[in-house]
Amino acid sequence: MLKHAGVEVDDRGIAMRDDRQLILPLARFTTEREVEQLANEAQEQLMARGFAASNLNSLVSETFAELALNAAQHSESAIGSLGFIQFYETDHGNRFVCCVADGGIGIRSSLERNPEIRQQIFYDWDAIEFAIKERVSGTGSPYRGIGLFGIAEDMRRAGRQLIIHSGIGMLMTTEEVERSSTRTGLFPGTLAFASIPA
């Protein structure tokens, strides 16, 4: 994808591999329609691989879809957004990872469009804290701001984790750590990472 976008990449000596644990390969998207197609593809792959038990397939595909919809709707990324879903088998347990990233305006710039909360957001880590609250959106609509809130609440269950990195802010939500916002190194745009035990 980087090469296709005109980025010079030195991939000498790096062999491609067929990874059976890849649920949704790294995919680029820009529209809500593309997100819907990717989420449906992920759900089909999960069902085909036998992950239908206890609605795990729905949780994984819906988590990906919500993170990806936020990127498509709010990032204004000139390069679009990228996402993938991977299944990992480890000595510490099996888990799914959903990851979405964009090179857009970031959460703070998106939320600052809402005049009701603009004066309450001073830093990128403040903006991320606001973004995971119920009914908070850069649009100001009382009917928006439910999806990311729901994902953050879901990730507070046993063994789950959510990391959101935008600008120089990062937030981590787990069962043990309700919310932990910090200043960190710059990430141009937003990256959201959800880890779900299988």
C-alpha atoms as a PDB file:
ATOM      1  CA  MET A   1       0.000   0.000   0.000  1.00  0.00           C
ATOM      2  CA  LEU A   2       2.836   2.375   0.772  1.00  0.00           C
ATOM      3  CA  LYS A   3       4.446   1.691  -2.590  1.00  0.00           C
ATOM      4  CA  HIS A   4       1.106   2.240  -4.322  1.00  0.00           C
ATOM      5  CA  ALA A   5       0.849   5.632  -2.598  1.00  0.00           C
ATOM      6  CA  GLY A   6       4.290   6.611  -3.939  1.00  0.00           C
ATOM      7  CA  VAL A   7       6.253   6.023  -0.719  1.00  0.00           C
ATOM      8  CA  GLU A   8       9.710   4.577  -1.242  1.00  0.00           C
ATOM      9  CA  VAL A   9       9.912   1.270   0.629  1.00  0.00           C
ATOM     10  CA  ASP A  10      12.968  -0.952   0.977  1.00  0.00           C
ATOM     11  CA  ASP A  11      11.457  -4.428   1.313  1.00  0.00           C
ATOM     12  CA  ARG A  12      14.467  -6.438   0.176  1.00  0.00           C
ATOM     13  CA  GLY A  13      14.696  -9.711   2.019  1.00  0.00           C
ATOM     14  CA  ILE A  14      11.195  -9.504   3.479  1.00  0.00           C
ATOM     15  CA  ALA A  15       9.184 -12.423   2.180  1.00  0.00           C
ATOM     16  CA  MET A  16       5.407 -12.351   1.961  1.00  0.00           C
ATOM     17  CA  ARG A  17       3.758 -15.109   3.946  1.00  0.00           C
ATOM     18  CA  ASP A  18       0.363 -16.754   3.913  1.00  0.00           C
ATOM     19  CA  ASP A  19      -0.927 -16.182   7.410  1.00  0.00           C
ATOM     20  CA  ARG A  20      -3.954 -18.285   8.295  1.00  0.00           C
ATOM     21  CA  GLN A  21      -4.504 -16.166  11.354  1.00  0.00           C
ATOM     22  CA  LEU A  22      -5.190 -13.031   9.352  1.00  0.00           C
ATOM     23  CA  ILE A  23      -8.941 -12.398   9.491  1.00  0.00           C
ATOM     24  CA  LEU A  24      -8.967  -9.144   7.511  1.00  0.00           C
ATOM     25  CA  PRO A  25      -5.768  -8.207   5.688  1.00  0.00           C
ATOM     26  CA  LEU A  26      -4.570  -4.617   5.807  1.00  0.00           C
ATOM     27  CA  ALA A  27      -7.129  -2.706   3.779  1.00  0.00           C
ATOM     28  CA  ARG A  28      -7.501   0.913   2.739  1.00  0.00           C
ATOM     29  CA  PHE A  29     -10.905   2.594   2.942  1.00  0.00           C
ATOM     30  CA  THR A  30     -12.361   6.085   2.664  1.00  0.00           C
ATOM     31  CA  THR A  31     -16.146   5.705   2.692  1.00  0.00           C
ATOM     32  CA  GLU A  32     -18.788   4.299   5.007  1.00  0.00           C
ATOM     33  CA  ARG A  33     -19.781   1.873   2.249  1.00  0.00           C
ATOM     34  CA  GLU A  34     -16.236   0.473   2.107  1.00  0.00           C
ATOM     35  CA  VAL A  35     -16.261   0.083   5.902  1.00  0.00           C
ATOM     36  CA  GLU A  36     -19.509  -1.865   5.693  1.00  0.00           C
ATOM     37  CA  GLN A  37     -18.033  -4.160   3.045  1.00  0.00           C
ATOM     38  CA  LEU A  38     -14.897  -4.782   5.123  1.00  0.00           C
ATOM     39  CA  ALA A  39     -16.918  -5.494   8.283  1.00  0.00           C
ATOM     40  CA  ASN A  40     -19.100  -7.968   6.369  1.00  0.00           C
ATOM     41  CA  GLU A  41     -15.982  -9.625   4.933  1.00  0.00           C
ATOM     42  CA  ALA A  42     -14.513  -9.906   8.444  1.00  0.00           C
ATOM     43  CA  GLN A  43     -17.714 -11.429   9.801  1.00  0.00           C
ATOM     44  CA  GLU A  44     -17.750 -14.012   6.974  1.00  0.00           C
ATOM     45  CA  GLN A  45     -14.103 -14.912   7.666  1.00  0.00           C
ATOM     46  CA  LEU A  46     -14.785 -15.265  11.385  1.00  0.00           C
ATOM     47  CA  MET A  47     -17.792 -17.511  10.772  1.00  0.00           C
ATOM     48  CA  ALA A  48     -15.842 -19.606   8.255  1.00  0.00           C
ATOM     49  CA  ARG A  49     -13.071 -20.132  10.825  1.00  0.00           C
ATOM     50  CA  GLY A  50     -15.462 -21.280  13.535  1.00  0.00           C
ATOM     51  CA  PHE A  51     -15.571 -18.184  15.744  1.00  0.00           C
ATOM     52  CA  ALA A  52     -19.374 -18.089  15.926  1.00  0.00           C
ATOM     53  CA  ALA A  53     -19.440 -19.104  19.602  1.00  0.00           C
ATOM     54  CA  SER A  54     -20.803 -16.579  22.117  1.00  0.00           C
ATOM     55  CA  ASN A  55     -21.175 -13.828  19.522  1.00  0.00           C
ATOM     56  CA  LEU A  56     -17.412 -13.322  19.357  1.00  0.00           C
ATOM     57  CA  ASN A  57     -17.572 -12.877  15.591  1.00  0.00           C
ATOM     58  CA  SER A  58     -20.107 -10.033  15.963  1.00  0.00           C
ATOM     59  CA  LEU A  59     -18.071  -8.332  18.699  1.00  0.00           C
ATOM     60  CA  VAL A  60     -14.878  -8.393  16.633  1.00  0.00           C
ATOM     61  CA  SER A  61     -16.466  -7.240  13.363  1.00  0.00           C
ATOM     62  CA  GLU A  62     -18.580  -4.561  15.092  1.00  0.00           C
ATOM     63  CA  THR A  63     -15.562  -3.235  17.001  1.00  0.00           C
ATOM     64  CA  PHE A  64     -13.629  -2.956  13.750  1.00  0.00           C
ATOM     65  CA  ALA A  65     -16.612  -1.359  11.988  1.00  0.00           C
ATOM     66  CA  GLU A  66     -17.099   1.315  14.664  1.00  0.00           C
ATOM     67  CA  LEU A  67     -13.414   2.258  14.754  1.00  0.00           C
ATOM     68  CA  ALA A  68     -13.309   2.334  10.946  1.00  0.00           C
ATOM     69  CA  LEU A  69     -16.534   4.386  10.667  1.00  0.00           C
ATOM     70  CA  ASN A  70     -15.051   7.018  12.974  1.00  0.00           C
ATOM     71  CA  ALA A  71     -12.012   7.251  10.711  1.00  0.00           C
ATOM     72  CA  ALA A  72     -14.119   7.443   7.530  1.00  0.00           C
ATOM     73  CA  GLN A  73     -16.536  10.020   8.945  1.00  0.00           C
ATOM     74  CA  HIS A  74     -14.247  12.314  10.939  1.00  0.00           C
ATOM     75  CA  SER A  75     -10.591  12.018   9.917  1.00  0.00           C
ATOM     76  CA  GLU A  76     -10.604  14.021   6.675  1.00  0.00           C
ATOM     77  CA  SER A  77      -7.506  12.029   5.775  1.00  0.00           C
ATOM     78  CA  ALA A  78      -6.037  12.806   2.372  1.00  0.00           C
ATOM     79  CA  ILE A  79      -4.614   9.277   2.246  1.00  0.00           C
ATOM     80  CA  GLY A  80      -7.723   7.513   3.532  1.00  0.00           C
ATOM     81  CA  SER A  81      -7.649   5.081   6.419  1.00  0.00           C
ATOM     82  CA  LEU A  82      -6.158   1.630   6.944  1.00  0.00           C
ATOM     83  CA  GLY A  83      -7.332  -1.253   9.078  1.00  0.00           C
ATOM     84  CA  PHE A  84      -6.893  -4.962   9.764  1.00  0.00           C
ATOM     85  CA  ILE A  85      -8.065  -7.774  12.039  1.00  0.00           C
ATOM     86  CA  GLN A  86      -5.594 -10.423  13.225  1.00  0.00           C
ATOM     87  CA  PHE A  87      -6.058 -13.523  15.393  1.00  0.00           C
ATOM     88  CA  TYR A  88      -3.149 -14.461  17.663  1.00  0.00           C
ATOM     89  CA  GLU A  89      -2.450 -17.746  19.441  1.00  0.00           C
ATOM     90  CA  THR A  90      -0.037 -17.184  22.308  1.00  0.00           C
ATOM     91  CA  ASP A  91       1.084 -18.863  25.518  1.00  0.00           C
ATOM     92  CA  HIS A  92      -0.884 -16.183  27.373  1.00  0.00           C
ATOM     93  CA  GLY A  93      -4.144 -16.918  25.546  1.00  0.00           C
ATOM     94  CA  ASN A  94      -5.710 -16.396  22.158  1.00  0.00           C
ATOM     95  CA  ARG A  95      -6.926 -12.968  21.109  1.00  0.00           C
ATOM     96  CA  PHE A  96      -8.159 -10.811  18.283  1.00  0.00           C
ATOM     97  CA  VAL A  97      -6.651  -7.439  17.426  1.00  0.00           C
ATOM     98  CA  CYS A  98      -8.587  -4.816  15.483  1.00  0.00           C
ATOM     99  CA  CYS A  99      -6.525  -1.832  14.381  1.00  0.00           C
ATOM    100  CA  VAL A 100      -7.530   1.268  12.404  1.00  0.00           C
ATOM    101  CA  ALA A 101      -5.306   4.242  11.551  1.00  0.00           C
ATOM    102  CA  ASP A 102      -5.617   7.377   9.464  1.00  0.00           C
ATOM    103  CA  GLY A 103      -3.467  10.358   8.574  1.00  0.00           C
ATOM    104  CA  GLY A 104      -6.221  12.873   9.188  1.00  0.00           C
ATOM    105  CA  ILE A 105      -6.911  15.912  11.366  1.00  0.00           C
ATOM    106  CA  GLY A 106      -6.958  14.045  14.685  1.00  0.00           C
ATOM    107  CA  ILE A 107      -9.583  13.800  17.395  1.00  0.00           C
ATOM    108  CA  ARG A 108      -8.954  17.245  18.906  1.00  0.00           C
ATOM    109  CA  SER A 109      -9.453  19.096  15.612  1.00  0.00           C
ATOM    110  CA  SER A 110     -12.566  17.049  14.887  1.00  0.00           C
ATOM    111  CA  LEU A 111     -14.141  17.730  18.302  1.00  0.00           C
ATOM    112  CA  GLU A 112     -13.220  21.426  18.244  1.00  0.00           C
ATOM    113  CA  ARG A 113     -15.848  21.844  15.532  1.00  0.00           C
ATOM    114  CA  ASN A 114     -18.467  21.467  18.260  1.00  0.00           C
ATOM    115  CA  PRO A 115     -18.711  24.939  19.876  1.00  0.00           C
ATOM    116  CA  GLU A 116     -20.236  23.460  23.053  1.00  0.00           C
ATOM    117  CA  ILE A 117     -17.039  21.596  23.956  1.00  0.00           C
ATOM    118  CA  ARG A 118     -14.364  23.611  22.111  1.00  0.00           C
ATOM    119  CA  GLN A 119     -13.380  25.571  25.249  1.00  0.00           C
ATOM    120  CA  GLN A 120     -13.007  22.382  27.300  1.00  0.00           C
ATOM    121  CA  ILE A 121     -10.393  20.759  25.066  1.00  0.00           C
ATOM    122  CA  PHE A 122      -6.867  22.044  25.601  1.00  0.00           C
ATOM    123  CA  TYR A 123      -4.748  19.026  24.698  1.00  0.00           C
ATOM    124  CA  ASP A 124      -4.935  15.929  22.514  1.00  0.00           C
ATOM    125  CA  TRP A 125      -5.307  13.677  25.589  1.00  0.00           C
ATOM    126  CA  ASP A 126      -8.277  15.813  26.760  1.00  0.00           C
ATOM    127  CA  ALA A 127      -9.899  15.347  23.362  1.00  0.00           C
ATOM    128  CA  ILE A 128      -9.540  11.565  23.505  1.00  0.00           C
ATOM    129  CA  GLU A 129     -11.128  11.552  26.989  1.00  0.00           C
ATOM    130  CA  PHE A 130     -14.063  13.561  25.597  1.00  0.00           C
ATOM    131  CA  ALA A 131     -14.366  11.367  22.487  1.00  0.00           C
ATOM    132  CA  ILE A 132     -15.146   8.243  24.505  1.00  0.00           C
ATOM    133  CA  LYS A 133     -17.915   9.927  26.497  1.00  0.00           C
ATOM    134  CA  GLU A 134     -21.514   9.220  25.598  1.00  0.00           C
ATOM    135  CA  ARG A 135     -23.074  11.571  23.019  1.00  0.00           C
ATOM    136  CA  VAL A 136     -19.911  13.593  22.425  1.00  0.00           C
ATOM    137  CA  SER A 137     -19.227  14.394  18.785  1.00  0.00           C
ATOM    138  CA  GLY A 138     -17.627  17.099  16.700  1.00  0.00           C
ATOM    139  CA  THR A 139     -20.962  17.427  14.913  1.00  0.00           C
ATOM    140  CA  GLY A 140     -22.759  18.591  18.054  1.00  0.00           C
ATOM    141  CA  SER A 141     -25.682  16.303  17.209  1.00  0.00           C
ATOM    142  CA  PRO A 142     -27.336  14.661  20.250  1.00  0.00           C
ATOM    143  CA  TYR A 143     -27.855  11.552  18.101  1.00  0.00           C
ATOM    144  CA  ARG A 144     -24.120  11.027  17.539  1.00  0.00           C
ATOM    145  CA  GLY A 145     -21.293  10.008  19.851  1.00  0.00           C
ATOM    146  CA  ILE A 146     -22.653   6.627  20.872  1.00  0.00           C
ATOM    147  CA  GLY A 147     -20.413   4.182  18.977  1.00  0.00           C
ATOM    148  CA  LEU A 148     -16.971   4.991  20.372  1.00  0.00           C
ATOM    149  CA  PHE A 149     -18.485   5.305  23.848  1.00  0.00           C
ATOM    150  CA  GLY A 150     -19.908   1.782  23.447  1.00  0.00           C
ATOM    151  CA  ILE A 151     -16.575   0.382  22.271  1.00  0.00           C
ATOM    152  CA  ALA A 152     -14.759   1.971  25.241  1.00  0.00           C
ATOM    153  CA  GLU A 153     -17.318   0.473  27.636  1.00  0.00           C
ATOM    154  CA  ASP A 154     -17.023  -2.981  25.983  1.00  0.00           C
ATOM    155  CA  MET A 155     -13.239  -2.884  26.285  1.00  0.00           C
ATOM    156  CA  ARG A 156     -13.493  -2.512  30.088  1.00  0.00           C
ATOM    157  CA  ARG A 157     -14.522  -6.174  30.338  1.00  0.00           C
ATOM    158  CA  ALA A 158     -12.150  -8.935  31.399  1.00  0.00           C
ATOM    159  CA  GLY A 159      -9.039  -9.260  29.266  1.00  0.00           C
ATOM    160  CA  ARG A 160      -9.961  -6.553  26.758  1.00  0.00           C
ATOM    161  CA  GLN A 161      -7.989  -3.440  25.918  1.00  0.00           C
ATOM    162  CA  LEU A 162      -8.501  -0.246  23.910  1.00  0.00           C
ATOM    163  CA  ILE A 163      -5.706   2.136  22.984  1.00  0.00           C
ATOM    164  CA  ILE A 164      -6.396   5.376  21.124  1.00  0.00           C
ATOM    165  CA  HIS A 165      -3.482   7.527  19.975  1.00  0.00           C
ATOM    166  CA  SER A 166      -4.145  10.896  18.344  1.00  0.00           C
ATOM    167  CA  GLY A 167      -1.720  13.781  17.925  1.00  0.00           C
ATOM    168  CA  ILE A 168       0.404  13.726  21.079  1.00  0.00           C
ATOM    169  CA  GLY A 169      -2.273  12.126  23.241  1.00  0.00           C
ATOM    170  CA  MET A 170      -2.874   8.487  24.095  1.00  0.00           C
ATOM    171  CA  LEU A 171      -5.596   6.799  26.096  1.00  0.00           C
ATOM    172  CA  MET A 172      -5.674   3.221  27.357  1.00  0.00           C
ATOM    173  CA  THR A 173      -8.801   1.513  28.670  1.00  0.00           C
ATOM    174  CA  THR A 174      -8.696  -1.955  30.215  1.00  0.00           C
ATOM    175  CA  GLU A 175     -10.516  -3.863  32.923  1.00  0.00           C
ATOM    176  CA  GLU A 176      -7.798  -2.914  35.438  1.00  0.00           C
ATOM    177  CA  VAL A 177      -7.253   0.691  34.294  1.00  0.00           C
ATOM    178  CA  GLU A 178     -10.540   2.506  33.818  1.00  0.00           C
ATOM    179  CA  ARG A 179      -8.918   5.268  31.794  1.00  0.00           C
ATOM    180  CA  SER A 180      -5.362   6.393  31.568  1.00  0.00           C
ATOM    181  CA  SER A 181      -4.628   9.417  29.357  1.00  0.00           C
ATOM    182  CA  THR A 182      -1.090  10.600  28.802  1.00  0.00           C
ATOM    183  CA  ARG A 183       1.049  12.766  26.608  1.00  0.00           C
ATOM    184  CA  THR A 184       3.086  10.738  24.161  1.00  0.00           C
ATOM    185  CA  GLY A 185       5.019  11.005  20.909  1.00  0.00           C
ATOM    186  CA  LEU A 186       3.297  12.499  17.875  1.00  0.00           C
ATOM    187  CA  PHE A 187       1.076  10.292  15.737  1.00  0.00           C
ATOM    188  CA  PRO A 188      -0.150  12.224  12.693  1.00  0.00           C
ATOM    189  CA  GLY A 189      -3.855  11.420  12.647  1.00  0.00           C
ATOM    190  CA  THR A 190      -5.471   8.797  14.847  1.00  0.00           C
ATOM    191  CA  LEU A 191      -4.733   5.152  15.625  1.00  0.00           C
ATOM    192  CA  ALA A 192      -7.221   2.939  17.463  1.00  0.00           C
ATOM    193  CA  PHE A 193      -6.260  -0.532  18.693  1.00  0.00           C
ATOM    194  CA  ALA A 194      -8.691  -2.977  20.324  1.00  0.00           C
ATOM    195  CA  SER A 195      -7.589  -6.311  21.765  1.00  0.00           C
ATOM    196  CA  ILE A 196     -10.250  -8.947  22.540  1.00  0.00           C
ATOM    197  CA  PRO A 197      -9.604 -12.362  24.116  1.00  0.00           C
ATOM    198  CA  ALA A 198     -10.904 -15.351  22.142  1.00  0.00           C
END
